């Protein structure tokens, strides 16, 4: 019976950890809609951080290495 309690505590701990990671990921996706850092992403390409779109569209404007 103690093993079930240990399993339950471990699973609850893991669930909380995954929930926190999901909340940070959501904030990381929403925050750029309201705030962008000043500066350049690539000075040689003249690409400013404010010119980069949000989400997956950002991949289309990223300069290649």
Protein backbone atom coordinates (compact mmCIF):
# COMPACT_ATOMS: atom_id res chain seq x y z
CA UNK A 1 0.00 0.00 0.00
CA UNK A 2 2.88 2.39 0.71
CA UNK A 3 4.11 1.84 -2.83
CA UNK A 4 0.82 3.23 -4.17
CA UNK A 5 1.24 6.35 -2.03
CA UNK A 6 4.79 6.81 -3.34
CA UNK A 7 3.60 6.38 -6.94
CA UNK A 8 0.83 8.89 -6.37
CA UNK A 9 3.18 11.49 -4.87
CA UNK A 10 5.67 11.02 -7.72
CA UNK A 11 2.99 11.34 -10.39
CA UNK A 12 1.55 14.44 -8.72
CA UNK A 13 5.03 15.99 -8.64
CA UNK A 14 5.59 15.21 -12.32
CA UNK A 15 2.16 16.64 -13.23
CA UNK A 16 2.96 19.91 -11.46
CA UNK A 17 6.32 20.12 -13.22
CA UNK A 18 4.77 19.57 -16.66
CA UNK A 19 2.08 22.13 -15.88
CA UNK A 20 4.69 24.74 -15.01
CA UNK A 21 6.64 24.04 -18.21
CA UNK A 22 3.43 24.37 -20.22
CA UNK A 23 2.63 27.71 -18.55
CA UNK A 24 6.11 29.07 -19.35
CA UNK A 25 5.80 27.88 -22.95
CA UNK A 26 2.45 29.61 -23.30
CA UNK A 27 3.85 32.84 -21.88
CA UNK A 28 6.80 32.59 -24.25
CA UNK A 29 4.42 32.37 -27.17
CA UNK A 30 2.07 35.16 -26.03
CA UNK A 31 4.60 37.70 -24.65
CA UNK A 32 6.11 38.63 -28.05
CA UNK A 33 2.67 39.82 -29.16
CA UNK A 34 2.97 42.68 -26.66
CA UNK A 35 6.69 43.26 -26.22
CA UNK A 36 9.76 42.91 -28.42
CA UNK A 37 13.32 43.59 -27.43
CA UNK A 38 15.04 46.49 -29.17
CA UNK A 39 18.13 45.80 -31.23
CA UNK A 40 19.26 43.75 -34.17
CA UNK A 41 18.91 40.06 -34.83
CA UNK A 42 21.45 40.33 -37.65
CA UNK A 43 23.40 43.52 -38.18
CA UNK A 44 24.87 42.31 -41.47
CA UNK A 45 21.40 41.62 -42.88
CA UNK A 46 19.93 44.75 -41.26
CA UNK A 47 17.27 42.64 -39.54
CA UNK A 48 15.83 44.17 -36.39
CA UNK A 49 14.13 42.10 -33.71
CA UNK A 50 10.92 44.11 -34.12
CA UNK A 51 10.80 43.09 -37.80
CA UNK A 52 10.63 39.37 -36.99
CA UNK A 53 7.04 38.03 -36.96
CA UNK A 54 5.74 35.84 -34.16
CA UNK A 55 5.33 32.10 -34.18
CA UNK A 56 6.40 29.87 -37.03
CA UNK A 57 6.46 32.77 -39.49
CA UNK A 58 9.73 33.84 -37.86
CA UNK A 59 11.48 30.91 -39.54
CA UNK A 60 10.88 32.45 -42.95
CA UNK A 61 12.86 35.62 -42.14
CA UNK A 62 15.71 34.09 -40.12
CA UNK A 63 19.07 34.60 -41.82
CA UNK A 64 21.05 31.50 -42.65
CA UNK A 65 24.38 30.90 -40.95
